[in-house]
């Protein structure tokens, strides 16, 4: 019930609330992109969550047998990369150099994560266009 209330209030009064605090929609887009970036990189690095000891052994057994234990699809990182490019272009058109720079830093971090995700393969698939 509380989740429904949060969604309903956000849908009805969300723009008024963020305008009251002086936050722009573009700032939310950058913040959301950065959260997606951090989450994707953490999943790509396979940060271990709290688990039972047997869970770790099960995962190691799968990895040893050659099964994929990937925790994030590379395509989600590529989509986040494309979003950063789109946002950086929009900020450049408006002259917002700080937000543009933040987006470009995020894009470069994703480039690094994508390059590191395939150790023996430097040819990544093309990024989707928006």
Protein backbone atom coordinates (compact mmCIF):
# COMPACT_ATOMS: atom_id res chain seq x y z
CA UNK A 1 0.00 0.00 0.00
CA UNK A 2 2.81 2.44 0.85
CA UNK A 3 4.50 1.80 -2.51
CA UNK A 4 1.25 2.65 -4.26
CA UNK A 5 1.03 5.94 -2.33
CA UNK A 6 4.58 6.90 -3.27
CA UNK A 7 3.94 6.15 -6.95
CA UNK A 8 0.59 7.98 -6.92
CA UNK A 9 2.00 11.11 -5.22
CA UNK A 10 5.01 11.10 -7.55
CA UNK A 11 2.77 10.79 -10.62
CA UNK A 12 0.41 13.56 -9.53
CA UNK A 13 2.75 16.05 -7.87
CA UNK A 14 6.27 14.95 -8.76
CA UNK A 15 7.16 17.87 -11.03
CA UNK A 16 5.79 20.39 -8.52
CA UNK A 17 7.81 18.80 -5.73
CA UNK A 18 11.12 18.86 -7.60
CA UNK A 19 10.44 22.42 -8.83
CA UNK A 20 9.83 23.47 -5.21
CA UNK A 21 13.31 22.22 -4.30
CA UNK A 22 14.84 23.79 -7.45
CA UNK A 23 15.80 20.49 -9.06
CA UNK A 24 15.59 20.15 -12.84
CA UNK A 25 14.45 17.08 -14.73
CA UNK A 26 17.86 17.02 -16.45
CA UNK A 27 19.51 16.70 -13.03
CA UNK A 28 17.32 13.69 -12.34
CA UNK A 29 18.38 12.20 -15.66
CA UNK A 30 22.06 12.62 -14.80
CA UNK A 31 21.52 11.25 -11.30
CA UNK A 32 19.61 8.25 -12.66
CA UNK A 33 22.34 7.61 -15.21
CA UNK A 34 25.01 7.74 -12.52
CA UNK A 35 23.05 5.33 -10.31
CA UNK A 36 22.67 2.98 -13.27
CA UNK A 37 26.39 3.30 -13.96
CA UNK A 38 27.39 2.48 -10.39
CA UNK A 39 24.94 -0.41 -10.20
CA UNK A 40 26.09 -1.83 -13.54
CA UNK A 41 29.77 -1.60 -12.64
CA UNK A 42 29.15 -3.25 -9.27
CA UNK A 43 27.29 -6.08 -10.99
CA UNK A 44 29.97 -6.37 -13.66
CA UNK A 45 32.61 -6.70 -10.95
CA UNK A 46 30.39 -9.31 -9.28
CA UNK A 47 30.48 -7.83 -5.82
CA UNK A 48 29.54 -10.64 -3.48
CA UNK A 49 26.38 -10.09 -1.49
CA UNK A 50 25.78 -11.55 1.94
CA UNK A 51 24.99 -15.20 1.46
CA UNK A 52 25.24 -18.60 3.00
CA UNK A 53 28.52 -20.43 2.66
CA UNK A 54 26.94 -23.10 0.47
CA UNK A 55 25.82 -20.44 -2.05
CA UNK A 56 29.43 -19.47 -2.73
CA UNK A 57 30.39 -23.11 -3.22
CA UNK A 58 27.47 -23.64 -5.62
CA UNK A 59 28.55 -20.61 -7.67
CA UNK A 60 32.15 -21.78 -7.76
CA UNK A 61 31.05 -25.23 -8.92
CA UNK A 62 29.05 -23.64 -11.77
CA UNK A 63 32.02 -21.47 -12.76
CA UNK A 64 34.37 -24.47 -12.70
CA UNK A 65 32.05 -26.46 -14.95
CA UNK A 66 32.07 -23.66 -17.53
CA UNK A 67 28.58 -22.32 -16.88
CA UNK A 68 28.14 -18.58 -17.19
CA UNK A 69 27.79 -16.82 -13.85
CA UNK A 70 27.43 -13.35 -15.40
CA UNK A 71 25.47 -10.99 -13.23
CA UNK A 72 24.76 -8.20 -15.73
CA UNK A 73 24.18 -8.33 -19.46
CA UNK A 74 26.72 -6.30 -21.39
CA UNK A 75 23.86 -4.84 -23.39
CA UNK A 76 22.56 -2.98 -20.32
CA UNK A 77 25.96 -1.28 -20.03
CA UNK A 78 25.80 -0.38 -23.72
CA UNK A 79 22.35 1.14 -23.24
CA UNK A 80 23.60 3.18 -20.29
CA UNK A 81 26.53 4.30 -22.44
CA UNK A 82 24.16 5.46 -25.18
CA UNK A 83 22.09 7.33 -22.56
CA UNK A 84 25.17 9.19 -21.36
CA UNK A 85 25.97 10.23 -24.96
CA UNK A 86 22.42 11.46 -25.50
CA UNK A 87 22.44 13.44 -22.26
CA UNK A 88 25.88 14.93 -22.96
CA UNK A 89 24.67 16.13 -26.39
CA UNK A 90 21.60 17.74 -24.81
CA UNK A 91 23.67 19.48 -22.15
CA UNK A 92 26.16 20.70 -24.77
CA UNK A 93 23.32 22.27 -26.79
CA UNK A 94 22.11 24.10 -23.68
CA UNK A 95 25.63 25.14 -22.66
CA UNK A 96 25.64 23.21 -19.36
CA UNK A 97 29.34 22.32 -19.32
CA UNK A 98 29.37 20.78 -15.83
CA UNK A 99 26.56 18.30 -16.54
CA UNK A 100 28.05 17.55 -19.95
CA UNK A 101 31.41 16.75 -18.35
CA UNK A 102 29.80 14.49 -15.74
CA UNK A 103 28.01 12.57 -18.51
CA UNK A 104 31.22 12.23 -20.50
CA UNK A 105 33.08 10.92 -17.44
CA UNK A 106 30.30 8.35 -16.93
CA UNK A 107 30.51 7.37 -20.59
CA UNK A 108 34.28 6.87 -20.37
CA UNK A 109 33.88 4.76 -17.22
CA UNK A 110 31.38 2.58 -19.08
CA UNK A 111 33.78 2.33 -22.02
CA UNK A 112 36.41 1.02 -19.60
CA UNK A 113 33.96 -1.44 -18.03
CA UNK A 114 32.87 -2.68 -21.46
CA UNK A 115 36.48 -3.09 -22.61
CA UNK A 116 37.34 -5.01 -19.43
CA UNK A 117 34.27 -7.26 -19.69
CA UNK A 118 35.75 -9.22 -22.59
CA UNK A 119 39.40 -9.87 -21.68
CA UNK A 120 40.44 -11.53 -24.95
CA UNK A 121 38.17 -9.59 -27.29
CA UNK A 122 38.74 -5.91 -27.99
CA UNK A 123 36.03 -5.71 -30.67
CA UNK A 124 32.81 -4.81 -28.88
CA UNK A 125 29.46 -4.83 -30.65
CA UNK A 126 28.29 -1.40 -31.84
CA UNK A 127 26.46 0.80 -29.39
CA UNK A 128 22.73 1.28 -30.00
CA UNK A 129 21.72 4.69 -31.33
CA UNK A 130 19.03 6.76 -29.72
